[in-house]
Amino acid sequence: MGLDSQRYSTTFGALRADRRTWRLADDLAQLDRDTDDPNTIPLDLSTVTVVNDWRLVHIGHHTHAERELAVAIAERNRQQRRSTRTRRAA
């Protein structure tokens, strides 16, 4: 590898940072296209604040019916696994 090729060398970190920047700009442009603005004023992407703050809101099921549905699905999945194992063993 000569000196000329080193001039064009980059790091994966730099590539990831460039991709992250490009994805953000693309996502914001899509947001601008999808936004219903009756005045058709374009979205100023330099004023958009992106908040990456995730918080757990709820664990579990909201109602007894949701719990029953989850239990029924889990039981069906168990039966399908047993059936598959039985067929493979035969």
PDB file of N, CA and C in Angstrom:
ATOM      1  N   MET A   1       0.860  -1.160   0.000  1.00  0.00           N
ATOM      2  CA  MET A   1       0.000   0.000   0.000  1.00  0.00           C
ATOM      3  C   MET A   1       0.905   1.222   0.000  1.00  0.00           C
ATOM      4  N   GLY A   2       0.775   2.056  -1.003  1.00  0.00           N
ATOM      5  CA  GLY A   2       1.630   3.236  -1.119  1.00  0.00           C
ATOM      6  C   GLY A   2       1.040   4.436  -0.409  1.00  0.00           C
ATOM      7  N   LEU A   3       1.763   5.526  -0.477  1.00  0.00           N
ATOM      8  CA  LEU A   3       1.313   6.757   0.177  1.00  0.00           C
ATOM      9  C   LEU A   3       0.032   7.299  -0.442  1.00  0.00           C
ATOM     10  N   ASP A   4      -0.149   7.083  -1.744  1.00  0.00           N
ATOM     11  CA  ASP A   4      -1.351   7.591  -2.401  1.00  0.00           C
ATOM     12  C   ASP A   4      -2.609   6.940  -1.836  1.00  0.00           C
ATOM     13  N   SER A   5      -2.564   5.624  -1.575  1.00  0.00           N
ATOM     14  CA  SER A   5      -3.753   4.939  -1.070  1.00  0.00           C
ATOM     15  C   SER A   5      -4.059   5.345   0.369  1.00  0.00           C
ATOM     16  N   GLN A   6      -3.052   5.732   1.142  1.00  0.00           N
ATOM     17  CA  GLN A   6      -3.293   6.162   2.517  1.00  0.00           C
ATOM     18  C   GLN A   6      -4.065   7.474   2.563  1.00  0.00           C
ATOM     19  N   ARG A   7      -3.897   8.292   1.557  1.00  0.00           N
ATOM     20  CA  ARG A   7      -4.624   9.564   1.513  1.00  0.00           C
ATOM     21  C   ARG A   7      -6.131   9.341   1.458  1.00  0.00           C
ATOM     22  N   TYR A   8      -6.546   8.239   0.854  1.00  0.00           N
ATOM     23  CA  TYR A   8      -7.963   7.959   0.687  1.00  0.00           C
ATOM     24  C   TYR A   8      -8.490   7.011   1.753  1.00  0.00           C
ATOM     25  N   SER A   9      -7.673   6.655   2.706  1.00  0.00           N
ATOM     26  CA  SER A   9      -8.071   5.731   3.749  1.00  0.00           C
ATOM     27  C   SER A   9      -9.046   6.399   4.713  1.00  0.00           C
ATOM     28  N   THR A  10      -9.966   5.609   5.250  1.00  0.00           N
ATOM     29  CA  THR A  10     -10.923   6.109   6.232  1.00  0.00           C
ATOM     30  C   THR A  10     -11.139   5.022   7.275  1.00  0.00           C
ATOM     31  N   THR A  11     -11.819   5.353   8.353  1.00  0.00           N
ATOM     32  CA  THR A  11     -12.082   4.376   9.398  1.00  0.00           C
ATOM     33  C   THR A  11     -13.548   3.964   9.349  1.00  0.00           C
ATOM     34  N   PHE A  12     -13.824   2.797   9.935  1.00  0.00           N
ATOM     35  CA  PHE A  12     -15.218   2.361   9.998  1.00  0.00           C
ATOM     36  C   PHE A  12     -16.037   3.321  10.852  1.00  0.00           C
ATOM     37  N   GLY A  13     -15.421   3.895  11.871  1.00  0.00           N
ATOM     38  CA  GLY A  13     -16.124   4.874  12.699  1.00  0.00           C
ATOM     39  C   GLY A  13     -16.574   6.072  11.884  1.00  0.00           C
ATOM     40  N   ALA A  14     -15.696   6.545  10.998  1.00  0.00           N
ATOM     41  CA  ALA A  14     -16.058   7.682  10.142  1.00  0.00           C
ATOM     42  C   ALA A  14     -17.175   7.289   9.177  1.00  0.00           C
ATOM     43  N   LEU A  15     -17.097   6.070   8.640  1.00  0.00           N
ATOM     44  CA  LEU A  15     -18.157   5.610   7.734  1.00  0.00           C
ATOM     45  C   LEU A  15     -19.490   5.499   8.457  1.00  0.00           C
ATOM     46  N   ARG A  16     -19.465   4.960   9.699  1.00  0.00           N
ATOM     47  CA  ARG A  16     -20.706   4.850  10.478  1.00  0.00           C
ATOM     48  C   ARG A  16     -21.276   6.225  10.799  1.00  0.00           C
ATOM     49  N   ALA A  17     -20.402   7.170  11.136  1.00  0.00           N
ATOM     50  CA  ALA A  17     -20.868   8.531  11.447  1.00  0.00           C
ATOM     51  C   ALA A  17     -21.501   9.171  10.219  1.00  0.00           C
ATOM     52  N   ASP A  18     -20.880   8.983   9.058  1.00  0.00           N
ATOM     53  CA  ASP A  18     -21.454   9.526   7.822  1.00  0.00           C
ATOM     54  C   ASP A  18     -22.797   8.883   7.514  1.00  0.00           C
ATOM     55  N   ARG A  19     -22.886   7.565   7.721  1.00  0.00           N
ATOM     56  CA  ARG A  19     -24.156   6.875   7.463  1.00  0.00           C
ATOM     57  C   ARG A  19     -25.228   7.345   8.435  1.00  0.00           C
ATOM     58  N   ARG A  20     -24.860   7.520   9.717  1.00  0.00           N
ATOM     59  CA  ARG A  20     -25.815   8.001  10.707  1.00  0.00           C
ATOM     60  C   ARG A  20     -26.349   9.377  10.313  1.00  0.00           C
ATOM     61  N   THR A  21     -25.465  10.254   9.872  1.00  0.00           N
ATOM     62  CA  THR A  21     -25.870  11.595   9.440  1.00  0.00           C
ATOM     63  C   THR A  21     -26.792  11.511   8.229  1.00  0.00           C
ATOM     64  N   TRP A  22     -26.431  10.660   7.272  1.00  0.00           N
ATOM     65  CA  TRP A  22     -27.242  10.515   6.077  1.00  0.00           C
ATOM     66  C   TRP A  22     -28.621   9.963   6.428  1.00  0.00           C
ATOM     67  N   ARG A  23     -28.675   8.924   7.321  1.00  0.00           N
ATOM     68  CA  ARG A  23     -29.960   8.339   7.717  1.00  0.00           C
ATOM     69  C   ARG A  23     -30.847   9.366   8.412  1.00  0.00           C
ATOM     70  N   LEU A  24     -30.257  10.175   9.296  1.00  0.00           N
ATOM     71  CA  LEU A  24     -31.026  11.199   9.987  1.00  0.00           C
ATOM     72  C   LEU A  24     -31.612  12.190   8.992  1.00  0.00           C
ATOM     73  N   ALA A  25     -30.795  12.647   8.058  1.00  0.00           N
ATOM     74  CA  ALA A  25     -31.290  13.595   7.047  1.00  0.00           C
ATOM     75  C   ALA A  25     -32.386  12.956   6.205  1.00  0.00           C
ATOM     76  N   ASP A  26     -32.214  11.681   5.842  1.00  0.00           N
ATOM     77  CA  ASP A  26     -33.219  10.981   5.050  1.00  0.00           C
ATOM     78  C   ASP A  26     -34.512  10.797   5.841  1.00  0.00           C
ATOM     79  N   ASP A  27     -34.407  10.415   7.120  1.00  0.00           N
ATOM     80  CA  ASP A  27     -35.594  10.250   7.967  1.00  0.00           C
ATOM     81  C   ASP A  27     -36.336  11.569   8.137  1.00  0.00           C
ATOM     82  N   LEU A  28     -35.596  12.650   8.332  1.00  0.00           N
ATOM     83  CA  LEU A  28     -36.235  13.958   8.491  1.00  0.00           C
ATOM     84  C   LEU A  28     -36.880  14.421   7.185  1.00  0.00           C
ATOM     85  N   ALA A  29     -36.246  14.114   6.066  1.00  0.00           N
ATOM     86  CA  ALA A  29     -36.845  14.459   4.767  1.00  0.00           C
ATOM     87  C   ALA A  29     -38.139  13.679   4.567  1.00  0.00           C
ATOM     88  N   GLN A  30     -38.154  12.395   4.974  1.00  0.00           N
ATOM     89  CA  GLN A  30     -39.378  11.595   4.882  1.00  0.00           C
ATOM     90  C   GLN A  30     -40.449  12.168   5.798  1.00  0.00           C
ATOM     91  N   LEU A  31     -40.064  12.596   6.989  1.00  0.00           N
ATOM     92  CA  LEU A  31     -41.002  13.236   7.907  1.00  0.00           C
ATOM     93  C   LEU A  31     -41.604  14.484   7.271  1.00  0.00           C
ATOM     94  N   ASP A  32     -40.773  15.247   6.593  1.00  0.00           N
ATOM     95  CA  ASP A  32     -41.261  16.452   5.918  1.00  0.00           C
ATOM     96  C   ASP A  32     -42.275  16.091   4.836  1.00  0.00           C
ATOM     97  N   ARG A  33     -42.012  15.015   4.078  1.00  0.00           N
ATOM     98  CA  ARG A  33     -42.944  14.600   3.025  1.00  0.00           C
ATOM     99  C   ARG A  33     -44.254  14.078   3.617  1.00  0.00           C
ATOM    100  N   ASP A  34     -44.169  13.417   4.773  1.00  0.00           N
ATOM    101  CA  ASP A  34     -45.351  12.800   5.372  1.00  0.00           C
ATOM    102  C   ASP A  34     -46.171  13.745   6.238  1.00  0.00           C
ATOM    103  N   THR A  35     -45.626  14.913   6.554  1.00  0.00           N
ATOM    104  CA  THR A  35     -46.310  15.843   7.444  1.00  0.00           C
ATOM    105  C   THR A  35     -47.423  16.562   6.698  1.00  0.00           C
ATOM    106  N   ASP A  36     -48.597  16.551   7.313  1.00  0.00           N
ATOM    107  CA  ASP A  36     -49.735  17.267   6.727  1.00  0.00           C
ATOM    108  C   ASP A  36     -49.677  18.724   7.176  1.00  0.00           C
ATOM    109  N   ASP A  37     -49.230  19.579   6.305  1.00  0.00           N
ATOM    110  CA  ASP A  37     -49.146  21.006   6.609  1.00  0.00           C
ATOM    111  C   ASP A  37     -50.097  21.739   5.676  1.00  0.00           C
ATOM    112  N   PRO A  38     -51.192  22.304   6.220  1.00  0.00           N
ATOM    113  CA  PRO A  38     -52.160  22.981   5.353  1.00  0.00           C
ATOM    114  C   PRO A  38     -51.556  24.195   4.640  1.00  0.00           C
ATOM    115  N   ASN A  39     -50.505  24.774   5.189  1.00  0.00           N
ATOM    116  CA  ASN A  39     -49.894  25.951   4.562  1.00  0.00           C
ATOM    117  C   ASN A  39     -48.790  25.562   3.587  1.00  0.00           C
ATOM    118  N   THR A  40     -48.495  24.287   3.480  1.00  0.00           N
ATOM    119  CA  THR A  40     -47.422  23.754   2.638  1.00  0.00           C
ATOM    120  C   THR A  40     -46.097  24.466   2.863  1.00  0.00           C
ATOM    121  N   ILE A  41     -45.826  24.786   4.132  1.00  0.00           N
ATOM    122  CA  ILE A  41     -44.541  25.387   4.485  1.00  0.00           C
ATOM    123  C   ILE A  41     -43.554  24.249   4.684  1.00  0.00           C
ATOM    124  N   PRO A  42     -42.428  24.269   3.978  1.00  0.00           N
ATOM    125  CA  PRO A  42     -41.481  23.162   4.135  1.00  0.00           C
ATOM    126  C   PRO A  42     -40.898  23.109   5.541  1.00  0.00           C
ATOM    127  N   LEU A  43     -40.636  21.910   5.989  1.00  0.00           N
ATOM    128  CA  LEU A  43     -40.050  21.684   7.298  1.00  0.00           C
ATOM    129  C   LEU A  43     -38.613  22.184   7.297  1.00  0.00           C
ATOM    130  N   ASP A  44     -38.246  22.988   8.300  1.00  0.00           N
ATOM    131  CA  ASP A  44     -36.873  23.456   8.440  1.00  0.00           C
ATOM    132  C   ASP A  44     -36.114  22.423   9.255  1.00  0.00           C
ATOM    133  N   LEU A  45     -35.325  21.595   8.562  1.00  0.00           N
ATOM    134  CA  LEU A  45     -34.659  20.475   9.210  1.00  0.00           C
ATOM    135  C   LEU A  45     -33.648  20.917  10.257  1.00  0.00           C
ATOM    136  N   SER A  46     -33.192  22.165  10.196  1.00  0.00           N
ATOM    137  CA  SER A  46     -32.221  22.634  11.197  1.00  0.00           C
ATOM    138  C   SER A  46     -32.887  22.964  12.527  1.00  0.00           C
ATOM    139  N   THR A  47     -34.224  23.002  12.557  1.00  0.00           N
ATOM    140  CA  THR A  47     -34.924  23.321  13.804  1.00  0.00           C
ATOM    141  C   THR A  47     -35.540  22.095  14.465  1.00  0.00           C
ATOM    142  N   VAL A  48     -35.389  20.930  13.862  1.00  0.00           N
ATOM    143  CA  VAL A  48     -35.970  19.707  14.402  1.00  0.00           C
ATOM    144  C   VAL A  48     -35.060  19.168  15.500  1.00  0.00           C
ATOM    145  N   THR A  49     -35.650  18.858  16.648  1.00  0.00           N
ATOM    146  CA  THR A  49     -34.909  18.263  17.750  1.00  0.00           C
ATOM    147  C   THR A  49     -35.263  16.790  17.840  1.00  0.00           C
ATOM    148  N   VAL A  50     -34.265  15.948  17.828  1.00  0.00           N
ATOM    149  CA  VAL A  50     -34.481  14.506  17.933  1.00  0.00           C
ATOM    150  C   VAL A  50     -34.168  14.095  19.362  1.00  0.00           C
ATOM    151  N   VAL A  51     -35.150  13.497  20.029  1.00  0.00           N
ATOM    152  CA  VAL A  51     -34.976  13.073  21.414  1.00  0.00           C
ATOM    153  C   VAL A  51     -34.930  11.555  21.441  1.00  0.00           C
ATOM    154  N   ASN A  52     -33.839  11.038  21.912  1.00  0.00           N
ATOM    155  CA  ASN A  52     -33.685   9.586  22.037  1.00  0.00           C
ATOM    156  C   ASN A  52     -33.763   9.229  23.506  1.00  0.00           C
ATOM    157  N   ASP A  53     -34.962   9.250  24.037  1.00  0.00           N
ATOM    158  CA  ASP A  53     -35.169   8.976  25.453  1.00  0.00           C
ATOM    159  C   ASP A  53     -36.280   7.952  25.571  1.00  0.00           C
ATOM    160  N   TRP A  54     -35.920   6.707  25.865  1.00  0.00           N
ATOM    161  CA  TRP A  54     -36.890   5.643  25.960  1.00  0.00           C
ATOM    162  C   TRP A  54     -37.136   5.325  27.422  1.00  0.00           C
ATOM    163  N   ARG A  55     -38.392   5.192  27.775  1.00  0.00           N
ATOM    164  CA  ARG A  55     -38.762   4.827  29.138  1.00  0.00           C
ATOM    165  C   ARG A  55     -39.788   3.704  29.093  1.00  0.00           C
ATOM    166  N   LEU A  56     -39.667   2.802  30.041  1.00  0.00           N
ATOM    167  CA  LEU A  56     -40.616   1.710  30.143  1.00  0.00           C
ATOM    168  C   LEU A  56     -41.940   2.260  30.658  1.00  0.00           C
ATOM    169  N   VAL A  57     -43.001   1.984  29.949  1.00  0.00           N
ATOM    170  CA  VAL A  57     -44.305   2.504  30.329  1.00  0.00           C
ATOM    171  C   VAL A  57     -45.152   1.437  31.013  1.00  0.00           C
ATOM    172  N   HIS A  58     -45.067   0.208  30.521  1.00  0.00           N
ATOM    173  CA  HIS A  58     -45.953  -0.818  31.048  1.00  0.00           C
ATOM    174  C   HIS A  58     -45.379  -2.197  30.757  1.00  0.00           C
ATOM    175  N   ILE A  59     -45.546  -3.099  31.690  1.00  0.00           N
ATOM    176  CA  ILE A  59     -45.196  -4.504  31.484  1.00  0.00           C
ATOM    177  C   ILE A  59     -46.445  -5.316  31.784  1.00  0.00           C
ATOM    178  N   GLY A  60     -46.698  -6.288  30.944  1.00  0.00           N
ATOM    179  CA  GLY A  60     -47.832  -7.152  31.197  1.00  0.00           C
ATOM    180  C   GLY A  60     -49.006  -6.862  30.288  1.00  0.00           C
ATOM    181  N   HIS A  61     -50.160  -7.325  30.701  1.00  0.00           N
ATOM    182  CA  HIS A  61     -51.368  -7.211  29.890  1.00  0.00           C
ATOM    183  C   HIS A  61     -52.310  -6.210  30.543  1.00  0.00           C
ATOM    184  N   HIS A  62     -52.999  -5.455  29.706  1.00  0.00           N
ATOM    185  CA  HIS A  62     -53.912  -4.426  30.216  1.00  0.00           C
ATOM    186  C   HIS A  62     -55.200  -5.009  30.785  1.00  0.00           C
ATOM    187  N   THR A  63     -55.656  -6.084  30.160  1.00  0.00           N
ATOM    188  CA  THR A  63     -56.935  -6.648  30.587  1.00  0.00           C
ATOM    189  C   THR A  63     -56.809  -8.164  30.754  1.00  0.00           C
ATOM    190  N   HIS A  64     -57.828  -8.743  31.392  1.00  0.00           N
ATOM    191  CA  HIS A  64     -57.877 -10.191  31.550  1.00  0.00           C
ATOM    192  C   HIS A  64     -57.962 -10.866  30.179  1.00  0.00           C
ATOM    193  N   ALA A  65     -58.671 -10.255  29.240  1.00  0.00           N
ATOM    194  CA  ALA A  65     -58.816 -10.828  27.899  1.00  0.00           C
ATOM    195  C   ALA A  65     -57.460 -10.885  27.184  1.00  0.00           C
ATOM    196  N   GLU A  66     -56.651  -9.847  27.334  1.00  0.00           N
ATOM    197  CA  GLU A  66     -55.316  -9.854  26.728  1.00  0.00           C
ATOM    198  C   GLU A  66     -54.469 -10.980  27.312  1.00  0.00           C
ATOM    199  N   ARG A  67     -54.571 -11.175  28.626  1.00  0.00           N
ATOM    200  CA  ARG A  67     -53.808 -12.240  29.274  1.00  0.00           C
ATOM    201  C   ARG A  67     -54.261 -13.603  28.767  1.00  0.00           C
ATOM    202  N   GLU A  68     -55.554 -13.814  28.670  1.00  0.00           N
ATOM    203  CA  GLU A  68     -56.082 -15.087  28.178  1.00  0.00           C
ATOM    204  C   GLU A  68     -55.639 -15.351  26.744  1.00  0.00           C
ATOM    205  N   LEU A  69     -55.641 -14.327  25.915  1.00  0.00           N
ATOM    206  CA  LEU A  69     -55.199 -14.483  24.531  1.00  0.00           C
ATOM    207  C   LEU A  69     -53.717 -14.872  24.488  1.00  0.00           C
ATOM    208  N   ALA A  70     -52.891 -14.222  25.294  1.00  0.00           N
ATOM    209  CA  ALA A  70     -51.460 -14.534  25.338  1.00  0.00           C
ATOM    210  C   ALA A  70     -51.228 -15.964  25.812  1.00  0.00           C
ATOM    211  N   VAL A  71     -51.975 -16.396  26.808  1.00  0.00           N
ATOM    212  CA  VAL A  71     -51.841 -17.767  27.315  1.00  0.00           C
ATOM    213  C   VAL A  71     -52.256 -18.764  26.226  1.00  0.00           C
ATOM    214  N   ALA A  72     -53.323 -18.473  25.501  1.00  0.00           N
ATOM    215  CA  ALA A  72     -53.785 -19.374  24.439  1.00  0.00           C
ATOM    216  C   ALA A  72     -52.756 -19.465  23.309  1.00  0.00           C
ATOM    217  N   ILE A  73     -52.163 -18.358  22.948  1.00  0.00           N
ATOM    218  CA  ILE A  73     -51.139 -18.361  21.890  1.00  0.00           C
ATOM    219  C   ILE A  73     -49.918 -19.151  22.343  1.00  0.00           C
ATOM    220  N   ALA A  74     -49.494 -18.941  23.577  1.00  0.00           N
ATOM    221  CA  ALA A  74     -48.336 -19.670  24.104  1.00  0.00           C
ATOM    222  C   ALA A  74     -48.607 -21.170  24.119  1.00  0.00           C
ATOM    223  N   GLU A  75     -49.796 -21.570  24.520  1.00  0.00           N
ATOM    224  CA  GLU A  75     -50.154 -22.990  24.555  1.00  0.00           C
ATOM    225  C   GLU A  75     -50.174 -23.572  23.145  1.00  0.00           C
ATOM    226  N   ARG A  76     -50.719 -22.838  22.188  1.00  0.00           N
ATOM    227  CA  ARG A  76     -50.734 -23.315  20.804  1.00  0.00           C
ATOM    228  C   ARG A  76     -49.303 -23.501  20.287  1.00  0.00           C
ATOM    229  N   ASN A  77     -48.412 -22.562  20.605  1.00  0.00           N
ATOM    230  CA  ASN A  77     -47.018 -22.680  20.178  1.00  0.00           C
ATOM    231  C   ASN A  77     -46.343 -23.897  20.806  1.00  0.00           C
ATOM    232  N   ARG A  78     -46.622 -24.159  22.088  1.00  0.00           N
ATOM    233  CA  ARG A  78     -46.069 -25.346  22.750  1.00  0.00           C
ATOM    234  C   ARG A  78     -46.558 -26.622  22.071  1.00  0.00           C
ATOM    235  N   GLN A  79     -47.843 -26.672  21.748  1.00  0.00           N
ATOM    236  CA  GLN A  79     -48.399 -27.861  21.099  1.00  0.00           C
ATOM    237  C   GLN A  79     -47.790 -28.065  19.716  1.00  0.00           C
ATOM    238  N   GLN A  80     -47.573 -26.974  18.990  1.00  0.00           N
ATOM    239  CA  GLN A  80     -46.967 -27.101  17.665  1.00  0.00           C
ATOM    240  C   GLN A  80     -45.531 -27.619  17.767  1.00  0.00           C
ATOM    241  N   ARG A  81     -44.787 -27.143  18.771  1.00  0.00           N
ATOM    242  CA  ARG A  81     -43.416 -27.634  18.960  1.00  0.00           C
ATOM    243  C   ARG A  81     -43.416 -29.126  19.309  1.00  0.00           C
ATOM    244  N   ARG A  82     -44.335 -29.528  20.207  1.00  0.00           N
ATOM    245  CA  ARG A  82     -44.428 -30.954  20.573  1.00  0.00           C
ATOM    246  C   ARG A  82     -44.774 -31.798  19.352  1.00  0.00           C
ATOM    247  N   SER A  83     -45.723 -31.325  18.570  1.00  0.00           N
ATOM    248  CA  SER A  83     -46.156 -32.050  17.377  1.00  0.00           C
ATOM    249  C   SER A  83     -45.003 -32.189  16.377  1.00  0.00           C
ATOM    250  N   THR A  84     -44.227 -31.115  16.201  1.00  0.00           N
ATOM    251  CA  THR A  84     -43.092 -31.161  15.296  1.00  0.00           C
ATOM    252  C   THR A  84     -42.049 -32.158  15.770  1.00  0.00           C
ATOM    253  N   ARG A  85     -41.756 -32.130  17.087  1.00  0.00           N
ATOM    254  CA  ARG A  85     -40.778 -33.069  17.646  1.00  0.00           C
ATOM    255  C   ARG A  85     -41.249 -34.519  17.480  1.00  0.00           C
ATOM    256  N   THR A  86     -42.531 -34.753  17.694  1.00  0.00           N
ATOM    257  CA  THR A  86     -43.086 -36.101  17.585  1.00  0.00           C
ATOM    258  C   THR A  86     -42.975 -36.590  16.126  1.00  0.00           C
ATOM    259  N   ARG A  87     -43.292 -35.740  15.162  1.00  0.00           N
ATOM    260  CA  ARG A  87     -43.194 -36.120  13.765  1.00  0.00           C
ATOM    261  C   ARG A  87     -41.754 -36.414  13.338  1.00  0.00           C
ATOM    262  N   ARG A  88     -40.816 -35.619  13.843  1.00  0.00           N
ATOM    263  CA  ARG A  88     -39.410 -35.834  13.499  1.00  0.00           C
ATOM    264  C   ARG A  88     -38.876 -37.129  14.114  1.00  0.00           C
ATOM    265  N   ALA A  89     -39.362 -37.466  15.297  1.00  0.00           N
ATOM    266  CA  ALA A  89     -38.905 -38.678  15.995  1.00  0.00           C
ATOM    267  C   ALA A  89     -39.454 -39.926  15.315  1.00  0.00           C
ATOM    268  N   ALA A  90     -40.598 -39.798  14.665  1.00  0.00           N
ATOM    269  CA  ALA A  90     -41.267 -40.973  14.064  1.00  0.00           C
ATOM    270  C   ALA A  90     -40.629 -41.416  12.777  1.00  0.00           C
TER     271      ALA A  90
END
